[in-house]
Protein backbone atom coordinates (compact mmCIF):
# COMPACT_ATOMS: atom_id res chain seq x y z
CA MET A 1 0.00 0.00 0.00
CA ARG A 2 1.26 3.47 -0.90
CA TYR A 3 0.43 6.73 0.87
CA ILE A 4 0.51 10.35 -0.24
CA LYS A 5 2.55 12.78 1.87
CA LYS A 6 -0.42 14.09 3.84
CA LEU A 7 -3.82 12.38 3.93
CA ILE A 8 -6.83 14.46 2.87
CA PRO A 9 -9.74 14.75 5.35
CA ALA A 10 -12.79 12.85 4.09
CA LYS A 11 -15.02 15.81 4.91
CA THR A 12 -12.91 18.20 2.82
CA TYR A 13 -12.98 15.88 -0.21
CA VAL A 14 -16.74 15.28 -0.10
CA GLU A 15 -17.69 18.90 0.50
CA GLY A 16 -15.32 19.94 -2.28
CA ALA A 17 -16.90 17.48 -4.71
CA LEU A 18 -20.33 18.96 -3.97
CA LYS A 19 -19.03 22.50 -4.53
CA LEU A 20 -17.39 21.45 -7.78
CA LEU A 21 -20.82 20.34 -9.02
CA GLN A 22 -21.79 24.00 -9.06
CA ARG A 23 -18.96 25.14 -11.34
CA ASN A 24 -19.28 25.40 -15.12
CA LEU A 25 -17.24 22.40 -16.31
CA GLU A 26 -15.96 20.97 -19.57
CA TYR A 27 -14.74 17.45 -20.32
CA ILE A 28 -11.28 17.43 -22.00
CA ASN A 29 -9.03 14.37 -21.77
CA ARG A 30 -5.74 15.82 -23.01
CA ALA A 31 -3.02 17.56 -21.00
CA PRO A 32 -2.92 20.14 -19.60
CA TYR A 33 -6.64 20.74 -20.01
CA ASN A 34 -7.58 17.49 -18.27
CA LEU A 35 -5.98 18.61 -15.02
CA GLY A 36 -8.40 21.11 -13.53
CA TYR A 37 -7.47 23.80 -16.04
CA CYS A 38 -9.21 27.12 -15.51
CA HIS A 39 -10.13 28.83 -18.79
CA ASN A 40 -10.40 32.57 -19.47
CA ASP A 41 -14.16 32.58 -18.98
CA GLY A 42 -13.80 30.90 -15.58
CA HIS A 43 -14.90 27.39 -16.46
CA ILE A 44 -12.82 24.36 -15.47
CA SER A 45 -11.91 21.38 -17.63
CA GLY A 46 -10.77 17.88 -16.75
CA ASP A 47 -11.44 14.18 -17.19
CA CYS A 48 -12.58 11.36 -14.92
CA TRP A 49 -9.14 10.29 -13.66
CA CYS A 50 -8.20 13.85 -12.77
CA ILE A 51 -11.32 15.10 -11.07
CA ASN A 52 -11.74 11.79 -9.21
CA PRO A 53 -9.39 11.98 -7.39
CA LYS A 54 -6.16 13.57 -8.64
CA VAL A 55 -7.04 17.24 -9.07
CA MET A 56 -9.19 17.11 -5.94
CA VAL A 57 -6.27 15.74 -3.92
CA TRP A 58 -3.56 17.86 -5.54
CA SER A 59 -5.48 21.09 -5.19
CA ILE A 60 -6.37 20.45 -1.54
CA GLY A 61 -2.75 19.47 -0.84
CA ILE A 62 -1.37 22.77 -2.12
CA GLY A 63 -4.07 24.84 -0.47
CA LYS A 64 -5.73 25.95 -3.71
CA PRO A 65 -8.94 23.90 -3.95
CA VAL A 66 -10.00 23.32 -7.55
CA TRP A 67 -13.62 24.26 -6.79
CA GLU A 68 -12.44 27.74 -5.74
CA ASN A 69 -9.93 28.27 -8.54
CA LYS A 70 -10.67 31.20 -10.86
CA THR A 71 -7.14 31.89 -12.09
CA PRO A 72 -7.03 31.43 -15.90
CA GLY A 73 -4.49 28.91 -17.10
CA PHE A 74 -3.63 27.51 -13.69
CA TYR A 75 -3.62 23.75 -13.21
CA TYR A 76 -2.26 21.35 -10.63
CA TYR A 77 0.12 18.83 -12.15
CA THR A 78 3.57 20.05 -11.07
CA ASP A 79 2.60 21.62 -7.75
CA GLY A 80 0.24 18.75 -6.99
CA ILE A 81 2.77 15.99 -7.42
CA ASN A 82 5.25 17.83 -5.18
CA ALA A 83 2.67 18.59 -2.51
CA THR A 84 0.93 15.23 -2.27
CA GLY A 85 3.16 12.60 -3.85
CA LEU A 86 0.30 11.33 -5.98
CA PRO A 87 1.57 10.84 -9.57
CA ASP A 88 -0.33 11.29 -12.81
CA TRP A 89 -1.66 7.71 -12.96
CA ASP A 90 -4.79 6.22 -14.43
CA GLY A 91 -7.66 5.10 -12.23
CA GLN A 92 -6.66 1.44 -12.11
CA SER A 93 -3.17 2.33 -10.91
CA ILE A 94 -4.64 4.53 -8.19
CA LEU A 95 -6.94 1.72 -7.07
CA ASN A 96 -4.16 -0.86 -7.11
CA GLY A 97 -1.58 1.33 -5.40
CA TYR A 98 -3.48 3.52 -2.93
CA CYS A 99 -6.82 1.79 -2.28
CA GLU A 100 -8.20 -1.20 -0.44
CA ASP A 101 -10.80 -3.17 -2.40
CA ILE A 102 -14.19 -3.22 -0.69
CA SER A 103 -17.60 -4.57 -1.64
CA PHE A 104 -20.28 -2.17 -2.81
CA LYS A 105 -22.48 -3.44 0.02
CA LYS A 106 -19.86 -2.61 2.68
CA MET A 107 -19.18 0.76 1.10
CA LEU A 108 -22.85 1.69 1.39
CA SER A 109 -23.62 0.09 4.76
CA ASP A 110 -20.53 1.60 6.43
CA LYS A 111 -20.87 4.87 4.49
CA ILE A 112 -17.24 4.76 3.34
CA ALA A 113 -17.05 8.09 1.57
CA PRO A 114 -15.25 9.02 -0.53
CA ALA A 115 -14.57 5.76 -2.33
CA LEU A 116 -13.43 5.26 -5.91
CA LEU A 117 -15.47 3.32 -8.48
CA LEU A 118 -14.05 1.75 -11.64
CA ASN A 119 -15.89 0.29 -14.63
CA GLY A 120 -15.24 -3.16 -16.10
CA ASN A 121 -12.72 -2.21 -18.78
CA ALA A 122 -10.96 0.33 -16.53
CA THR A 123 -11.78 3.29 -18.78
CA HIS A 124 -14.00 5.31 -16.45
CA MET A 125 -13.98 6.27 -12.78
CA GLY A 126 -16.45 7.84 -10.37
CA ALA A 127 -16.40 8.77 -6.69
CA TYR A 128 -18.96 7.62 -4.13
CA ILE A 129 -19.46 10.52 -1.70
CA GLY A 130 -22.64 9.53 0.16
CA GLU A 131 -26.20 10.55 -0.62
CA PHE A 132 -26.98 14.12 -1.64
CA GLN A 133 -30.00 15.87 -3.12
CA MET A 134 -30.17 17.84 -6.36
CA HIS A 135 -33.26 19.04 -8.28
CA GLY A 136 -35.52 16.67 -6.34
CA ASN A 137 -33.49 13.49 -6.90
CA THR A 138 -31.08 11.54 -4.70
CA TYR A 139 -27.53 10.74 -5.88
CA ASN A 140 -24.42 9.33 -4.23
CA VAL A 141 -21.75 9.40 -6.99
CA THR A 142 -19.99 12.20 -8.85
CA GLU A 143 -18.43 11.55 -12.26
CA PHE A 144 -16.63 13.53 -14.94
CA THR A 145 -17.68 12.33 -18.36
CA PRO A 146 -18.68 13.61 -21.80
CA ALA A 147 -22.24 12.48 -20.99
CA SER A 148 -23.50 11.97 -24.53
CA GLY A 149 -21.08 14.55 -25.84
CA ILE A 150 -22.93 17.57 -24.48
CA SER A 151 -22.35 17.97 -20.76
CA PRO A 152 -19.20 16.92 -18.94
CA TYR A 153 -20.15 16.58 -15.31
CA MET A 154 -22.79 14.24 -14.03
CA HIS A 155 -23.94 12.55 -10.89
CA SER A 156 -25.38 9.08 -10.56
CA TYR A 157 -26.38 6.48 -7.97
CA VAL A 158 -24.64 3.21 -7.09
CA ASP A 159 -26.42 0.35 -5.32
CA GLU A 160 -25.03 -2.55 -3.27
CA ASN A 161 -24.61 -4.65 -6.42
CA GLY A 162 -22.56 -2.02 -8.25
CA GLY A 163 -25.47 -0.90 -10.44
CA ARG A 164 -24.95 2.57 -11.91
CA TYR A 165 -28.27 4.46 -12.09
CA THR A 166 -29.30 7.89 -13.33
CA CYS A 167 -30.46 8.62 -9.76
CA LYS A 168 -31.89 6.67 -6.82
CA GLY A 169 -34.84 4.76 -8.25
CA GLY A 170 -33.84 5.82 -11.76
CA ARG A 171 -32.79 3.99 -14.92
CA LEU A 172 -29.89 1.50 -14.88
CA ILE A 173 -27.04 2.85 -17.04
CA SER A 174 -24.35 0.20 -16.52
CA ARG A 175 -22.45 -1.48 -13.68
CA TRP A 176 -19.31 -0.63 -11.79
CA ALA A 177 -16.73 -3.42 -11.48
CA ARG A 178 -14.66 -2.32 -8.46
CA ALA A 179 -14.88 -0.12 -5.40
CA GLY A 180 -11.84 1.12 -3.49
CA LYS A 181 -11.43 2.67 -0.06
CA MET A 182 -8.73 5.33 -0.51
CA VAL A 183 -6.73 4.44 2.61
CA GLY A 184 -3.51 5.80 1.08
CA ILE A 185 -5.13 9.13 0.18
CA ILE A 186 -8.01 9.90 2.57
CA ASP A 187 -8.13 10.35 6.34
CA TYR A 188 -11.40 8.60 7.16
CA THR A 189 -11.24 9.57 10.85
CA ASP A 190 -12.06 13.16 9.91
CA LYS A 191 -15.53 12.82 8.42
CA GLY A 192 -17.28 15.59 10.34
CA GLU A 193 -20.88 16.41 9.56
CA ILE A 194 -21.15 16.46 5.78
CA MET A 195 -24.00 18.61 4.56
CA PRO A 196 -25.02 18.94 0.89
CA THR A 197 -24.18 22.34 -0.55
CA PRO A 198 -27.32 24.33 -1.50
CA GLN A 199 -27.88 24.66 -5.21
CA PRO A 200 -27.30 28.06 -6.77
CA SER A 201 -29.82 29.66 -9.07
CA LYS A 202 -29.37 28.31 -12.62
CA PRO A 203 -26.80 25.65 -11.65
CA TYR A 204 -26.32 24.39 -15.23
CA SER A 205 -25.40 25.85 -18.57
CA ILE A 206 -28.11 25.47 -21.22
CA ASP A 207 -26.17 22.55 -22.78
CA ASN A 208 -25.89 20.85 -19.37
CA LEU A 209 -29.57 21.45 -18.71
CA ALA A 210 -30.40 19.65 -21.97
CA VAL A 211 -28.49 16.58 -20.79
CA HIS A 212 -30.41 16.48 -17.51
CA ILE A 213 -33.67 16.72 -19.46
CA MET A 214 -32.63 13.77 -21.64
CA ARG A 215 -31.65 11.79 -18.54
CA GLY A 216 -35.15 12.30 -17.16
CA ASP A 217 -33.88 14.07 -14.03
CA PHE A 218 -36.79 16.52 -13.97
CA GLY A 219 -39.60 14.16 -14.94
CA SER A 220 -41.79 14.95 -17.93
CA GLY A 221 -44.45 17.34 -19.19
CA GLU A 222 -45.51 20.31 -17.08
CA ALA A 223 -43.94 18.79 -13.95
CA ARG A 224 -40.56 18.93 -15.68
CA LYS A 225 -41.05 22.54 -16.70
CA ASP A 226 -42.09 23.52 -13.17
CA ALA A 227 -39.05 21.76 -11.66
CA ILE A 228 -36.69 23.57 -14.02
CA LYS A 229 -38.34 26.92 -13.35
CA LYS A 230 -37.71 26.42 -9.63
CA LEU A 231 -34.00 26.44 -10.46
CA GLY A 232 -34.35 29.95 -11.86
CA TYR A 233 -34.62 29.31 -15.62
CA THR A 234 -36.97 31.33 -17.83
CA ASP A 235 -39.37 29.89 -20.40
CA ALA A 236 -37.00 31.02 -23.17
CA GLU A 237 -34.02 29.27 -21.56
CA ILE A 238 -36.02 26.08 -21.06
CA GLN A 239 -37.03 26.18 -24.72
CA LYS A 240 -33.38 26.57 -25.77
CA ALA A 241 -32.49 23.46 -23.79
CA GLN A 242 -35.45 21.61 -25.28
CA ASP A 243 -34.34 22.63 -28.78
CA ILE A 244 -30.97 20.98 -28.10
CA VAL A 245 -32.73 17.83 -26.90
CA ASN A 246 -34.91 17.78 -30.01
CA ALA A 247 -31.87 18.24 -32.26
CA VAL A 248 -30.04 15.34 -30.62
CA TYR A 249 -33.00 13.01 -30.99
CA ALA A 250 -33.64 14.17 -34.56
CA LYS A 251 -30.04 13.36 -35.52
CA LYS A 252 -30.32 9.90 -33.98
CA ASP A 253 -33.63 9.28 -35.79
CA LEU A 254 -32.13 10.44 -39.08
CA ASP A 255 -29.12 8.13 -38.72
CA VAL A 256 -31.35 5.13 -38.02
CA LEU A 257 -33.60 5.96 -40.99
CA ALA A 258 -30.60 6.39 -43.31
CA CYS A 259 -29.37 2.90 -42.38
CA SER A 260 -32.74 1.47 -43.36
CA LEU A 261 -32.99 3.42 -46.63
CA ALA A 262 -29.46 2.40 -47.63
CA MET A 263 -30.70 -1.17 -48.08
CA LYS A 264 -33.50 0.11 -50.32
CA PHE A 265 -30.95 1.99 -52.42
CA ILE A 266 -28.83 -1.13 -52.74
CA SER A 267 -31.79 -3.37 -53.62
CA GLY A 268 -33.01 -0.93 -56.27
CA GLU A 269 -36.33 -0.31 -54.53
CA ALA A 270 -35.63 3.44 -54.57
CA GLY A 271 -34.82 3.43 -58.27
CA ASP A 272 -31.55 4.03 -60.07
CA GLY A 273 -29.48 7.18 -60.28
CA VAL A 274 -29.23 10.28 -58.15
CA THR A 275 -32.25 12.12 -59.54
CA MET A 276 -34.63 9.20 -59.17
CA ARG A 277 -33.48 8.40 -55.62
CA ARG A 278 -33.75 12.01 -54.51
CA GLN A 279 -37.31 12.15 -55.85
CA TRP A 280 -38.15 8.83 -54.15
CA ILE A 281 -37.03 10.27 -50.79
CA ALA A 282 -38.97 13.50 -51.37
CA ASP A 283 -42.15 11.54 -52.19
CA ASN A 284 -41.92 9.02 -49.35
CA TYR A 285 -40.32 11.06 -46.54
CA PRO A 286 -41.62 14.62 -46.96
CA LYS A 287 -41.07 15.67 -43.34
CA TYR A 288 -37.27 15.34 -43.74
CA ASP A 289 -34.95 17.59 -45.69
CA THR A 290 -34.51 15.65 -48.95
CA GLU A 291 -30.87 16.56 -49.59
CA THR A 292 -29.76 15.83 -46.01
CA LEU A 293 -31.46 12.46 -45.90
CA PHE A 294 -30.20 11.55 -49.39
CA ARG A 295 -26.59 12.36 -48.48
CA LYS A 296 -26.75 10.43 -45.20
CA THR A 297 -28.29 7.44 -46.96
CA GLN A 298 -25.72 7.51 -49.75
CA ASP A 299 -22.93 7.65 -47.16
CA LYS A 300 -24.35 4.51 -45.54
CA VAL A 301 -24.51 2.81 -48.95
CA ASN A 302 -20.86 3.68 -49.55
CA ASP A 303 -19.94 2.29 -46.12
CA TYR A 304 -21.82 -0.96 -46.77
CA LEU A 305 -20.29 -1.47 -50.22
CA SER A 306 -16.71 -0.45 -49.38
């Protein structure tokens, strides 16, 4: 077992993770922007290894917590490694070197927070920090992920079997493979009384809000709109987020349809030649832009026949 130079209080880590949820964040997995980099507009970028736990630990160790950082261009790699002794390793190396494997059941029953979570192919990490409330739902895990390519930061819920859910009682996303108690990083004797940080008004960017809508975090229909309004968003802002949601789903629908039509092109059902196929699409799928759908379908045909 390895140990960093000075263990981080459990309370400090968990409260910091909750405060970080309130910052405007961007997922970038290349150095130096994956290491808690603060951009000119004040937003912070990182990836899952770094936010859970490296940047958290480094920044606490040097007395400049990442959730408070507003200095453009500053990040924690050099200072962090000198202050804490935790190198720039991937999640599996951190688990193997600094953590004690524990069962998900023990983690939850003994409230061992924070604890690191790793997926089956060791490509993604999260941090169990105990239950907390946000926009009417209960979560117990923070993650740093592209989240469908729109929003970087998300929270989820882990159960005693390692199930990864959108929230407590929500939809099953996947399963975690390992849980690790960070005995070489965290001082678990200093838990204190951990209280969830109150949400600020408008806690998400419009892009992030769209992701939460797609995840079903606010419910549906008028109940969803009311829940979002309680966070301080206007009707116009809610509509902007909904427009993003609609665009994402429309793109997915168009891709699926193009795959189906490609087989009709290949079989000859849509006729021969560009002009005839374009007209066939216009006649049979009038609600779609003819040129866009034709190009997507032809691309699929080229892929199939290459």
